[in-house]
Amino acid sequence: MRPLQRAVTVCAALALSVPGAAFAQTVAPAPTVMAGLSSAERDLLLAAAGLTGAEQFQPGVLASGLPFVVPAFTGRTVVGSMLQPNMTIVVVRTSLMPEVAQNVALGTLKKAGWLDQYPTSATSREVFQNTDLSGQVYVSLCRPGVTGQLNVTSVPWGRGAAQVTYRLNQFSGMDSACPANQDWNDPKQANYYSPERTATYRDPLQDLLDKGLKLPSLAAPAGAQLENSGSSYSESEYSTYSKVYTTQTAAQILAHYTAALRAQGWVQTAVTPLNTEQIVRFRYRQGTVEREGMLALMPRPELGRSRDGRTQNRYDVKLELRLK
């Protein structure tokens, strides 16, 4: 094999270890790939991929004995498997859209007994919606009796397709509890004073939803990527937060979200600048009762990032609803 051909083969092999790395085609089975490499190239490949032997590198193959099920996705192509000492990686591609591929992957796993590693409240709602498919969908799962956690990532691959990556982490000492012990889902671990400890506890957000509260849906600005940061709520207040990465200005982002709220019946009452933060106040209806709400936006220029050769600004946004 000529040096240039060997270099191409090594680059294709190494791409298995990088999420979303480009492939021209599925590479040949491991023995053939390894046989075409020099001793130095072989050592580099194994070291870079975190492998201890060539048998752990399996291009184009679903490794045998996997503790999780990889479904026969529509138009599935098996990119391959890597069996690292503390991690098993499987990569497949499908002609399904990323969200659909994610649903198929998770549906199959949950039927086999895998659970959300960090389950959220049944009444959890995401107000800020990411409409850009250039980001990735990431879910962490666990299964009773299986040590470690399984991360499933679905990313776009070409037009109308997806790449799904399974990573089973089984590091020494990793907590095997499933679901993870968290105060809000494990009665034995609940703080003595937490309301979840008592059988009479009822999710305050569910009460509000039952009484007619409708949380707005705020789609991302065109070309922006969102990272939801969570939400908090009580009987008197609900807040949800997100990070927005975009090339647009703060004024454009604020105009986008305030227009979306107005379109859903919210009435703007005031705009209050606080240094570089912008706070827009609204009135909205909770059933037959009128309430107050607030949208806040804080530019974070020091935390911008570069993506696809363009600099993206970061903005932190918060929607807060006064419930009493």
C-alpha atoms as a PDB file:
ATOM      1  CA  MET A   1       0.000   0.000   0.000  1.00  0.00           C
ATOM      2  CA  ARG A   2       1.376   3.408  -0.937  1.00  0.00           C
ATOM      3  CA  PRO A   3       1.963   5.951   1.905  1.00  0.00           C
ATOM      4  CA  LEU A   4      -0.930   8.156   0.754  1.00  0.00           C
ATOM      5  CA  GLN A   5      -3.318   5.199   0.717  1.00  0.00           C
ATOM      6  CA  ARG A   6      -2.187   4.178   4.199  1.00  0.00           C
ATOM      7  CA  ALA A   7      -2.743   7.717   5.470  1.00  0.00           C
ATOM      8  CA  VAL A   8      -6.295   7.750   4.083  1.00  0.00           C
ATOM      9  CA  THR A   9      -6.997   4.400   5.722  1.00  0.00           C
ATOM     10  CA  VAL A  10      -5.715   5.614   9.110  1.00  0.00           C
ATOM     11  CA  CYS A  11      -7.791   8.811   8.912  1.00  0.00           C
ATOM     12  CA  ALA A  12     -10.927   6.817   8.081  1.00  0.00           C
ATOM     13  CA  ALA A  13     -10.267   4.463  10.974  1.00  0.00           C
ATOM     14  CA  LEU A  14      -9.651   7.240  13.453  1.00  0.00           C
ATOM     15  CA  ALA A  15     -12.896   8.952  12.430  1.00  0.00           C
ATOM     16  CA  LEU A  16     -14.842   6.236  14.241  1.00  0.00           C
ATOM     17  CA  SER A  17     -13.731   7.713  17.557  1.00  0.00           C
ATOM     18  CA  VAL A  18     -14.965  11.225  16.739  1.00  0.00           C
ATOM     19  CA  PRO A  19     -18.746  11.941  16.859  1.00  0.00           C
ATOM     20  CA  GLY A  20     -19.974  13.202  13.523  1.00  0.00           C
ATOM     21  CA  ALA A  21     -16.633  12.607  11.759  1.00  0.00           C
ATOM     22  CA  ALA A  22     -16.941  12.367   7.980  1.00  0.00           C
ATOM     23  CA  PHE A  23     -16.804   9.040   6.144  1.00  0.00           C
ATOM     24  CA  ALA A  24     -16.688   8.591   2.396  1.00  0.00           C
ATOM     25  CA  GLN A  25     -17.792   4.972   2.826  1.00  0.00           C
ATOM     26  CA  THR A  26     -17.830   2.186   5.401  1.00  0.00           C
ATOM     27  CA  VAL A  27     -14.258   0.983   5.964  1.00  0.00           C
ATOM     28  CA  ALA A  28     -13.155  -2.630   5.586  1.00  0.00           C
ATOM     29  CA  PRO A  29     -13.197  -5.149   8.493  1.00  0.00           C
ATOM     30  CA  ALA A  30     -10.556  -4.634  11.165  1.00  0.00           C
ATOM     31  CA  PRO A  31      -8.013  -7.323  10.158  1.00  0.00           C
ATOM     32  CA  THR A  32      -7.822  -5.925   6.601  1.00  0.00           C
ATOM     33  CA  VAL A  33      -7.425  -2.363   7.861  1.00  0.00           C
ATOM     34  CA  MET A  34      -4.749  -3.336  10.362  1.00  0.00           C
ATOM     35  CA  ALA A  35      -2.886  -5.473   7.836  1.00  0.00           C
ATOM     36  CA  GLY A  36      -2.389  -2.435   5.622  1.00  0.00           C
ATOM     37  CA  LEU A  37      -0.753  -0.348   8.345  1.00  0.00           C
ATOM     38  CA  SER A  38       2.823  -0.118   9.445  1.00  0.00           C
ATOM     39  CA  SER A  39       3.647  -0.943  13.057  1.00  0.00           C
ATOM     40  CA  ALA A  40       3.823   2.773  13.921  1.00  0.00           C
ATOM     41  CA  GLU A  41       0.504   3.507  12.185  1.00  0.00           C
ATOM     42  CA  ARG A  42      -1.166   0.592  13.978  1.00  0.00           C
ATOM     43  CA  ASP A  43       0.095   1.751  17.372  1.00  0.00           C
ATOM     44  CA  LEU A  44      -1.057   5.300  16.673  1.00  0.00           C
ATOM     45  CA  LEU A  45      -4.528   4.159  15.648  1.00  0.00           C
ATOM     46  CA  LEU A  46      -4.992   1.985  18.725  1.00  0.00           C
ATOM     47  CA  ALA A  47      -3.616   4.620  21.111  1.00  0.00           C
ATOM     48  CA  ALA A  48      -5.730   7.440  19.621  1.00  0.00           C
ATOM     49  CA  ALA A  49      -8.886   5.319  19.834  1.00  0.00           C
ATOM     50  CA  GLY A  50      -8.132   4.143  23.385  1.00  0.00           C
ATOM     51  CA  LEU A  51      -7.870   0.491  22.332  1.00  0.00           C
ATOM     52  CA  THR A  52      -5.551  -2.222  23.641  1.00  0.00           C
ATOM     53  CA  GLY A  53      -5.836  -4.573  20.652  1.00  0.00           C
ATOM     54  CA  ALA A  54      -6.890  -4.727  17.006  1.00  0.00           C
ATOM     55  CA  GLU A  55      -9.809  -7.044  17.854  1.00  0.00           C
ATOM     56  CA  GLN A  56     -11.476  -4.108  19.651  1.00  0.00           C
ATOM     57  CA  PHE A  57     -11.684  -2.131  16.409  1.00  0.00           C
ATOM     58  CA  GLN A  58     -14.577  -3.466  14.281  1.00  0.00           C
ATOM     59  CA  PRO A  59     -15.466  -1.278  11.272  1.00  0.00           C
ATOM     60  CA  GLY A  60     -18.769  -2.145   9.615  1.00  0.00           C
ATOM     61  CA  VAL A  61     -19.702  -4.609  12.392  1.00  0.00           C
ATOM     62  CA  LEU A  62     -22.135  -4.624  15.317  1.00  0.00           C
ATOM     63  CA  ALA A  63     -20.076  -6.124  18.136  1.00  0.00           C
ATOM     64  CA  SER A  64     -21.448  -9.372  19.543  1.00  0.00           C
ATOM     65  CA  GLY A  65     -22.745  -9.607  23.101  1.00  0.00           C
ATOM     66  CA  LEU A  66     -23.847  -5.976  23.389  1.00  0.00           C
ATOM     67  CA  PRO A  67     -25.927  -5.330  26.559  1.00  0.00           C
ATOM     68  CA  PHE A  68     -28.152  -2.936  24.574  1.00  0.00           C
ATOM     69  CA  VAL A  69     -30.237  -3.385  21.436  1.00  0.00           C
ATOM     70  CA  VAL A  70     -29.505  -1.463  18.229  1.00  0.00           C
ATOM     71  CA  PRO A  71     -32.696  -1.486  16.124  1.00  0.00           C
ATOM     72  CA  ALA A  72     -32.866  -2.117  12.382  1.00  0.00           C
ATOM     73  CA  PHE A  73     -33.346   1.560  11.535  1.00  0.00           C
ATOM     74  CA  THR A  74     -34.784   2.389   8.125  1.00  0.00           C
ATOM     75  CA  GLY A  75     -31.901   2.517   5.656  1.00  0.00           C
ATOM     76  CA  ARG A  76     -29.447   1.463   8.356  1.00  0.00           C
ATOM     77  CA  THR A  77     -25.712   1.362   7.673  1.00  0.00           C
ATOM     78  CA  VAL A  78     -23.437   0.019  10.408  1.00  0.00           C
ATOM     79  CA  VAL A  79     -20.385   2.263  10.664  1.00  0.00           C
ATOM     80  CA  GLY A  80     -18.820   0.001  13.274  1.00  0.00           C
ATOM     81  CA  SER A  81     -17.989  -0.737  16.894  1.00  0.00           C
ATOM     82  CA  MET A  82     -15.113  -0.018  19.264  1.00  0.00           C
ATOM     83  CA  LEU A  83     -14.650  -2.004  22.469  1.00  0.00           C
ATOM     84  CA  GLN A  84     -12.519   0.114  24.764  1.00  0.00           C
ATOM     85  CA  PRO A  85     -11.604  -1.197  28.233  1.00  0.00           C
ATOM     86  CA  ASN A  86     -14.248   0.938  29.965  1.00  0.00           C
ATOM     87  CA  MET A  87     -16.438   1.986  27.059  1.00  0.00           C
ATOM     88  CA  THR A  88     -18.322   0.342  24.208  1.00  0.00           C
ATOM     89  CA  ILE A  89     -19.059   2.538  21.176  1.00  0.00           C
ATOM     90  CA  VAL A  90     -21.429   1.640  18.348  1.00  0.00           C
ATOM     91  CA  VAL A  91     -22.115   3.969  15.405  1.00  0.00           C
ATOM     92  CA  VAL A  92     -24.880   3.498  12.834  1.00  0.00           C
ATOM     93  CA  ARG A  93     -26.419   5.696  10.173  1.00  0.00           C
ATOM     94  CA  THR A  94     -30.017   5.822   9.015  1.00  0.00           C
ATOM     95  CA  SER A  95     -32.130   7.586   6.422  1.00  0.00           C
ATOM     96  CA  LEU A  96     -34.423   8.768   9.248  1.00  0.00           C
ATOM     97  CA  MET A  97     -34.402  12.345  10.498  1.00  0.00           C
ATOM     98  CA  PRO A  98     -32.428  12.842  13.769  1.00  0.00           C
ATOM     99  CA  GLU A  99     -35.519  13.267  15.955  1.00  0.00           C
ATOM    100  CA  VAL A 100     -37.183  10.190  14.460  1.00  0.00           C
ATOM    101  CA  ALA A 101     -33.997   8.145  14.796  1.00  0.00           C
ATOM    102  CA  GLN A 102     -33.760   9.211  18.434  1.00  0.00           C
ATOM    103  CA  ASN A 103     -37.343   8.139  19.121  1.00  0.00           C
ATOM    104  CA  VAL A 104     -36.743   4.742  17.491  1.00  0.00           C
ATOM    105  CA  ALA A 105     -33.498   4.227  19.439  1.00  0.00           C
ATOM    106  CA  LEU A 106     -35.009   5.236  22.780  1.00  0.00           C
ATOM    107  CA  GLY A 107     -38.244   3.307  22.194  1.00  0.00           C
ATOM    108  CA  THR A 108     -36.279   0.124  21.529  1.00  0.00           C
ATOM    109  CA  LEU A 109     -34.065   0.607  24.569  1.00  0.00           C
ATOM    110  CA  LYS A 110     -36.931   1.379  26.933  1.00  0.00           C
ATOM    111  CA  LYS A 111     -38.807  -1.740  25.808  1.00  0.00           C
ATOM    112  CA  ALA A 112     -35.668  -3.656  26.783  1.00  0.00           C
ATOM    113  CA  GLY A 113     -35.688  -2.164  30.305  1.00  0.00           C
ATOM    114  CA  TRP A 114     -33.455   0.913  29.901  1.00  0.00           C
ATOM    115  CA  LEU A 115     -34.571   3.990  31.860  1.00  0.00           C
ATOM    116  CA  ASP A 116     -33.844   7.711  31.821  1.00  0.00           C
ATOM    117  CA  GLN A 117     -30.746   8.127  33.981  1.00  0.00           C
ATOM    118  CA  TYR A 118     -31.986  11.457  35.327  1.00  0.00           C
ATOM    119  CA  PRO A 119     -35.778  11.474  34.953  1.00  0.00           C
ATOM    120  CA  THR A 120     -37.542  14.815  35.105  1.00  0.00           C
ATOM    121  CA  SER A 121     -40.940  15.683  36.475  1.00  0.00           C
ATOM    122  CA  ALA A 122     -43.839  14.317  34.453  1.00  0.00           C
ATOM    123  CA  THR A 123     -45.089  17.884  34.152  1.00  0.00           C
ATOM    124  CA  SER A 124     -41.794  19.304  32.938  1.00  0.00           C
ATOM    125  CA  ARG A 125     -42.221  21.544  29.898  1.00  0.00           C
ATOM    126  CA  GLU A 126     -39.641  23.080  27.592  1.00  0.00           C
ATOM    127  CA  VAL A 127     -40.692  26.607  26.675  1.00  0.00           C
ATOM    128  CA  PHE A 128     -37.645  27.427  24.554  1.00  0.00           C
ATOM    129  CA  GLN A 129     -37.717  25.216  21.466  1.00  0.00           C
ATOM    130  CA  ASN A 130     -34.664  24.454  19.339  1.00  0.00           C
ATOM    131  CA  THR A 131     -35.757  24.394  15.698  1.00  0.00           C
ATOM    132  CA  ASP A 132     -32.246  24.106  14.224  1.00  0.00           C
ATOM    133  CA  LEU A 133     -31.287  20.504  13.453  1.00  0.00           C
ATOM    134  CA  SER A 134     -27.562  21.205  13.276  1.00  0.00           C
ATOM    135  CA  GLY A 135     -27.281  20.430  16.970  1.00  0.00           C
ATOM    136  CA  GLN A 136     -27.268  16.989  18.564  1.00  0.00           C
ATOM    137  CA  VAL A 137     -29.847  15.104  20.591  1.00  0.00           C
ATOM    138  CA  TYR A 138     -28.280  13.501  23.676  1.00  0.00           C
ATOM    139  CA  VAL A 139     -29.966  11.167  26.177  1.00  0.00           C
ATOM    140  CA  SER A 140     -28.437   9.282  29.131  1.00  0.00           C
ATOM    141  CA  LEU A 141     -29.926   5.908  30.106  1.00  0.00           C
ATOM    142  CA  CYS A 142     -29.323   3.151  32.630  1.00  0.00           C
ATOM    143  CA  ARG A 143     -30.683  -0.352  33.189  1.00  0.00           C
ATOM    144  CA  PRO A 144     -31.180  -2.144  36.517  1.00  0.00           C
ATOM    145  CA  GLY A 145     -28.535  -4.831  36.861  1.00  0.00           C
ATOM    146  CA  VAL A 146     -26.195  -3.252  34.309  1.00  0.00           C
ATOM    147  CA  THR A 147     -23.349  -1.160  35.727  1.00  0.00           C
ATOM    148  CA  GLY A 148     -22.694   2.127  33.980  1.00  0.00           C
ATOM    149  CA  GLN A 149     -24.636   4.508  31.792  1.00  0.00           C
ATOM    150  CA  LEU A 150     -25.575   4.423  28.125  1.00  0.00           C
ATOM    151  CA  ASN A 151     -25.417   7.706  26.200  1.00  0.00           C
ATOM    152  CA  VAL A 152     -27.331   7.899  22.924  1.00  0.00           C
ATOM    153  CA  THR A 153     -26.526  10.758  20.553  1.00  0.00           C
ATOM    154  CA  SER A 154     -28.382  11.499  17.307  1.00  0.00           C
ATOM    155  CA  VAL A 155     -26.928  14.072  14.912  1.00  0.00           C
ATOM    156  CA  PRO A 156     -27.833  15.108  11.351  1.00  0.00           C
ATOM    157  CA  TRP A 157     -25.900  13.334   8.618  1.00  0.00           C
ATOM    158  CA  GLY A 158     -26.334  14.826   5.176  1.00  0.00           C
ATOM    159  CA  ARG A 159     -29.802  15.755   3.995  1.00  0.00           C
ATOM    160  CA  GLY A 160     -32.673  14.012   5.751  1.00  0.00           C
ATOM    161  CA  ALA A 161     -30.489  11.473   7.525  1.00  0.00           C
ATOM    162  CA  ALA A 162     -28.920  10.867  10.921  1.00  0.00           C
ATOM    163  CA  GLN A 163     -25.961   9.261  12.650  1.00  0.00           C
ATOM    164  CA  VAL A 164     -26.747   7.536  15.946  1.00  0.00           C
ATOM    165  CA  THR A 165     -23.925   6.839  18.415  1.00  0.00           C
ATOM    166  CA  TYR A 166     -24.241   4.557  21.446  1.00  0.00           C
ATOM    167  CA  ARG A 167     -21.648   4.924  24.222  1.00  0.00           C
ATOM    168  CA  LEU A 168     -21.806   2.592  27.196  1.00  0.00           C
ATOM    169  CA  ASN A 169     -19.537   3.933  29.965  1.00  0.00           C
ATOM    170  CA  GLN A 170     -18.550   1.357  32.584  1.00  0.00           C
ATOM    171  CA  PHE A 171     -15.747   2.979  34.520  1.00  0.00           C
ATOM    172  CA  SER A 172     -14.574   1.488  37.799  1.00  0.00           C
ATOM    173  CA  GLY A 173     -16.508   2.840  40.772  1.00  0.00           C
ATOM    174  CA  MET A 174     -19.319   4.268  38.638  1.00  0.00           C
ATOM    175  CA  ASP A 175     -22.608   4.459  40.551  1.00  0.00           C
ATOM    176  CA  SER A 176     -24.753   1.533  39.423  1.00  0.00           C
ATOM    177  CA  ALA A 177     -27.988   2.887  40.923  1.00  0.00           C
ATOM    178  CA  CYS A 178     -30.725   3.139  38.300  1.00  0.00           C
ATOM    179  CA  PRO A 179     -32.361   5.590  38.136  1.00  0.00           C
ATOM    180  CA  ALA A 180     -29.684   7.722  39.768  1.00  0.00           C
ATOM    181  CA  ASN A 181     -30.310   8.513  43.425  1.00  0.00           C
ATOM    182  CA  GLN A 182     -31.822  11.981  43.386  1.00  0.00           C
ATOM    183  CA  ASP A 183     -33.907  13.548  46.123  1.00  0.00           C
ATOM    184  CA  TRP A 184     -36.863  14.008  43.806  1.00  0.00           C
ATOM    185  CA  ASN A 185     -37.171  10.361  42.694  1.00  0.00           C
ATOM    186  CA  ASP A 186     -35.843   8.314  45.595  1.00  0.00           C
ATOM    187  CA  PRO A 187     -37.983   8.516  48.779  1.00  0.00           C
ATOM    188  CA  LYS A 188     -35.139   7.029  50.851  1.00  0.00           C
ATOM    189  CA  GLN A 189     -32.841   9.864  49.859  1.00  0.00           C
ATOM    190  CA  ALA A 190     -35.364  12.694  50.151  1.00  0.00           C
ATOM    191  CA  ASN A 191     -34.562  15.511  52.536  1.00  0.00           C
ATOM    192  CA  TYR A 192     -36.723  15.314  55.660  1.00  0.00           C
ATOM    193  CA  TYR A 193     -38.259  18.702  54.925  1.00  0.00           C
ATOM    194  CA  SER A 194     -38.838  18.179  51.193  1.00  0.00           C
ATOM    195  CA  PRO A 195     -42.516  18.083  50.173  1.00  0.00           C
ATOM    196  CA  GLU A 196     -41.848  15.031  47.975  1.00  0.00           C
ATOM    197  CA  ARG A 197     -41.320  12.988  51.166  1.00  0.00           C
ATOM    198  CA  THR A 198     -45.022  12.984  52.010  1.00  0.00           C
ATOM    199  CA  ALA A 199     -47.673  11.005  50.159  1.00  0.00           C
ATOM    200  CA  THR A 200     -49.896  14.074  49.933  1.00  0.00           C
ATOM    201  CA  TYR A 201     -47.378  16.037  47.875  1.00  0.00           C
ATOM    202  CA  ARG A 202     -48.686  17.283  44.504  1.00  0.00           C
ATOM    203  CA  ASP A 203     -46.590  18.900  41.826  1.00  0.00           C
ATOM    204  CA  PRO A 204     -47.446  22.653  41.974  1.00  0.00           C
ATOM    205  CA  LEU A 205     -46.969  23.009  38.229  1.00  0.00           C
ATOM    206  CA  GLN A 206     -49.542  20.287  37.586  1.00  0.00           C
ATOM    207  CA  ASP A 207     -52.019  22.135  39.805  1.00  0.00           C
ATOM    208  CA  LEU A 208     -51.453  25.300  37.772  1.00  0.00           C
ATOM    209  CA  LEU A 209     -51.803  23.490  34.461  1.00  0.00           C
ATOM    210  CA  ASP A 210     -55.061  21.945  35.688  1.00  0.00           C
ATOM    211  CA  LYS A 211     -56.322  25.432  36.545  1.00  0.00           C
ATOM    212  CA  GLY A 212     -55.751  26.696  33.014  1.00  0.00           C
ATOM    213  CA  LEU A 213     -52.119  27.831  32.922  1.00  0.00           C
ATOM    214  CA  LYS A 214     -50.696  27.505  29.415  1.00  0.00           C
ATOM    215  CA  LEU A 215     -46.945  27.811  29.063  1.00  0.00           C
ATOM    216  CA  PRO A 216     -45.930  29.587  25.855  1.00  0.00           C
ATOM    217  CA  SER A 217     -43.837  27.925  23.161  1.00  0.00           C
ATOM    218  CA  LEU A 218     -40.853  29.987  22.018  1.00  0.00           C
ATOM    219  CA  ALA A 219     -39.177  28.710  18.851  1.00  0.00           C
ATOM    220  CA  ALA A 220     -35.518  29.560  18.312  1.00  0.00           C
ATOM    221  CA  PRO A 221     -34.603  32.513  16.095  1.00  0.00           C
ATOM    222  CA  ALA A 222     -33.637  31.544  12.554  1.00  0.00           C
ATOM    223  CA  GLY A 223     -30.186  29.961  12.452  1.00  0.00           C
ATOM    224  CA  ALA A 224     -29.743  29.963  16.250  1.00  0.00           C
ATOM    225  CA  GLN A 225     -28.828  26.998  18.440  1.00  0.00           C
ATOM    226  CA  LEU A 226     -30.285  26.632  21.913  1.00  0.00           C
ATOM    227  CA  GLU A 227     -29.061  24.846  25.003  1.00  0.00           C
ATOM    228  CA  ASN A 228     -31.854  24.539  27.558  1.00  0.00           C
ATOM    229  CA  SER A 229     -30.586  25.181  31.057  1.00  0.00           C
ATOM    230  CA  GLY A 230     -33.589  23.996  33.050  1.00  0.00           C
ATOM    231  CA  SER A 231     -36.518  25.451  34.941  1.00  0.00           C
ATOM    232  CA  SER A 232     -37.775  25.994  38.449  1.00  0.00           C
ATOM    233  CA  TYR A 233     -41.242  26.530  39.827  1.00  0.00           C
ATOM    234  CA  SER A 234     -43.273  26.852  42.980  1.00  0.00           C
ATOM    235  CA  GLU A 235     -46.847  27.763  43.813  1.00  0.00           C
ATOM    236  CA  SER A 236     -46.068  31.435  43.169  1.00  0.00           C
ATOM    237  CA  GLU A 237     -43.480  31.480  40.342  1.00  0.00           C
ATOM    238  CA  TYR A 238     -42.302  29.584  37.277  1.00  0.00           C
ATOM    239  CA  SER A 239     -38.985  30.307  35.541  1.00  0.00           C
ATOM    240  CA  THR A 240     -37.251  28.626  32.630  1.00  0.00           C
ATOM    241  CA  TYR A 241     -33.816  29.380  31.182  1.00  0.00           C
ATOM    242  CA  SER A 242     -31.929  28.799  27.959  1.00  0.00           C
ATOM    243  CA  LYS A 243     -28.667  29.735  26.248  1.00  0.00           C
ATOM    244  CA  VAL A 244     -28.932  31.080  22.687  1.00  0.00           C
ATOM    245  CA  TYR A 245     -25.988  30.950  20.263  1.00  0.00           C
ATOM    246  CA  THR A 246     -26.448  33.075  17.137  1.00  0.00           C
ATOM    247  CA  THR A 247     -24.868  35.647  14.835  1.00  0.00           C
ATOM    248  CA  GLN A 248     -27.837  37.973  15.449  1.00  0.00           C
ATOM    249  CA  THR A 249     -27.773  40.993  17.753  1.00  0.00           C
ATOM    250  CA  ALA A 250     -29.371  41.299  21.170  1.00  0.00           C
ATOM    251  CA  ALA A 251     -32.031  43.613  19.725  1.00  0.00           C
ATOM    252  CA  GLN A 252     -32.941  41.023  17.073  1.00  0.00           C
ATOM    253  CA  ILE A 253     -33.176  38.198  19.615  1.00  0.00           C
ATOM    254  CA  LEU A 254     -35.302  40.273  21.971  1.00  0.00           C
ATOM    255  CA  ALA A 255     -37.617  41.346  19.133  1.00  0.00           C
ATOM    256  CA  HIS A 256     -38.003  37.710  18.061  1.00  0.00           C
ATOM    257  CA  TYR A 257     -39.089  36.461  21.485  1.00  0.00           C
ATOM    258  CA  THR A 258     -41.302  39.404  22.386  1.00  0.00           C
ATOM    259  CA  ALA A 259     -43.115  39.027  19.044  1.00  0.00           C
ATOM    260  CA  ALA A 260     -43.628  35.317  19.769  1.00  0.00           C
ATOM    261  CA  LEU A 261     -45.138  36.101  23.176  1.00  0.00           C
ATOM    262  CA  ARG A 262     -47.443  38.763  21.748  1.00  0.00           C
ATOM    263  CA  ALA A 263     -48.613  36.297  19.103  1.00  0.00           C
ATOM    264  CA  GLN A 264     -49.693  33.965  21.946  1.00  0.00           C
ATOM    265  CA  GLY A 265     -51.772  36.618  23.681  1.00  0.00           C
ATOM    266  CA  TRP A 266     -49.193  38.174  25.973  1.00  0.00           C
ATOM    267  CA  VAL A 267     -49.452  41.968  26.298  1.00  0.00           C
ATOM    268  CA  GLN A 268     -46.192  43.919  26.627  1.00  0.00           C
ATOM    269  CA  THR A 269     -46.319  46.583  29.366  1.00  0.00           C
ATOM    270  CA  ALA A 270     -42.742  47.841  29.827  1.00  0.00           C
ATOM    271  CA  VAL A 271     -39.093  47.483  28.801  1.00  0.00           C
ATOM    272  CA  THR A 272     -36.513  48.002  31.548  1.00  0.00           C
ATOM    273  CA  PRO A 273     -32.779  48.045  30.750  1.00  0.00           C
ATOM    274  CA  LEU A 274     -30.495  46.992  33.613  1.00  0.00           C
ATOM    275  CA  ASN A 275     -26.921  47.669  32.521  1.00  0.00           C
ATOM    276  CA  THR A 276     -26.536  45.317  29.526  1.00  0.00           C
ATOM    277  CA  GLU A 277     -29.562  43.198  30.493  1.00  0.00           C
ATOM    278  CA  GLN A 278     -32.931  43.869  28.872  1.00  0.00           C
ATOM    279  CA  ILE A 279     -36.121  43.072  30.803  1.00  0.00           C
ATOM    280  CA  VAL A 280     -39.502  43.080  29.059  1.00  0.00           C
ATOM    281  CA  ARG A 281     -42.620  42.907  31.242  1.00  0.00           C
ATOM    282  CA  PHE A 282     -45.912  41.391  30.113  1.00  0.00           C
ATOM    283  CA  ARG A 283     -49.434  40.622  31.223  1.00  0.00           C
ATOM    284  CA  TYR A 284     -50.846  37.179  30.441  1.00  0.00           C
ATOM    285  CA  ARG A 285     -53.890  35.122  31.423  1.00  0.00           C
ATOM    286  CA  GLN A 286     -53.992  32.066  33.657  1.00  0.00           C
ATOM    287  CA  GLY A 287     -57.451  30.739  32.949  1.00  0.00           C
ATOM    288  CA  THR A 288     -59.725  33.657  33.829  1.00  0.00           C
ATOM    289  CA  VAL A 289     -57.068  35.423  35.934  1.00  0.00           C
ATOM    290  CA  GLU A 290     -54.595  37.974  34.573  1.00  0.00           C
ATOM    291  CA  ARG A 291     -50.998  37.558  35.714  1.00  0.00           C
ATOM    292  CA  GLU A 292     -47.602  39.218  35.214  1.00  0.00           C
ATOM    293  CA  GLY A 293     -44.641  37.777  33.348  1.00  0.00           C
ATOM    294  CA  MET A 294     -41.126  38.824  32.390  1.00  0.00           C
ATOM    295  CA  LEU A 295     -38.683  38.010  29.602  1.00  0.00           C
ATOM    296  CA  ALA A 296     -35.034  38.817  30.359  1.00  0.00           C
ATOM    297  CA  LEU A 297     -32.064  38.724  27.994  1.00  0.00           C
ATOM    298  CA  MET A 298     -28.397  39.053  28.985  1.00  0.00           C
ATOM    299  CA  PRO A 299     -25.646  39.261  26.320  1.00  0.00           C
ATOM    300  CA  ARG A 300     -22.624  37.097  27.199  1.00  0.00           C
ATOM    301  CA  PRO A 301     -19.953  38.178  24.681  1.00  0.00           C
ATOM    302  CA  GLU A 302     -17.164  36.580  26.708  1.00  0.00           C
ATOM    303  CA  LEU A 303     -18.760  33.152  26.155  1.00  0.00           C
ATOM    304  CA  GLY A 304     -19.278  33.327  22.387  1.00  0.00           C
ATOM    305  CA  ARG A 305     -18.050  30.474  20.207  1.00  0.00           C
ATOM    306  CA  SER A 306     -16.948  29.709  16.664  1.00  0.00           C
ATOM    307  CA  ARG A 307     -19.056  27.323  14.595  1.00  0.00           C
ATOM    308  CA  ASP A 308     -18.862  26.490  10.878  1.00  0.00           C
ATOM    309  CA  GLY A 309     -16.322  29.281  10.441  1.00  0.00           C
ATOM    310  CA  ARG A 310     -18.621  31.910  11.960  1.00  0.00           C
ATOM    311  CA  THR A 311     -18.495  33.589  15.353  1.00  0.00           C
ATOM    312  CA  GLN A 312     -21.681  33.044  17.348  1.00  0.00           C
ATOM    313  CA  ASN A 313     -22.708  35.395  20.140  1.00  0.00           C
ATOM    314  CA  ARG A 314     -24.172  33.940  23.305  1.00  0.00           C
ATOM    315  CA  TYR A 315     -27.261  35.285  25.046  1.00  0.00           C
ATOM    316  CA  ASP A 316     -28.824  33.973  28.248  1.00  0.00           C
ATOM    317  CA  VAL A 317     -32.611  34.229  28.240  1.00  0.00           C
ATOM    318  CA  LYS A 318     -35.161  33.671  30.982  1.00  0.00           C
ATOM    319  CA  LEU A 319     -38.950  33.604  31.009  1.00  0.00           C
ATOM    320  CA  GLU A 320     -40.537  34.150  34.400  1.00  0.00           C
ATOM    321  CA  LEU A 321     -44.245  33.853  35.258  1.00  0.00           C
ATOM    322  CA  ARG A 322     -45.773  35.295  38.416  1.00  0.00           C
ATOM    323  CA  LEU A 323     -48.441  32.838  39.478  1.00  0.00           C
ATOM    324  CA  LYS A 324     -50.019  34.733  42.380  1.00  0.00           C
END
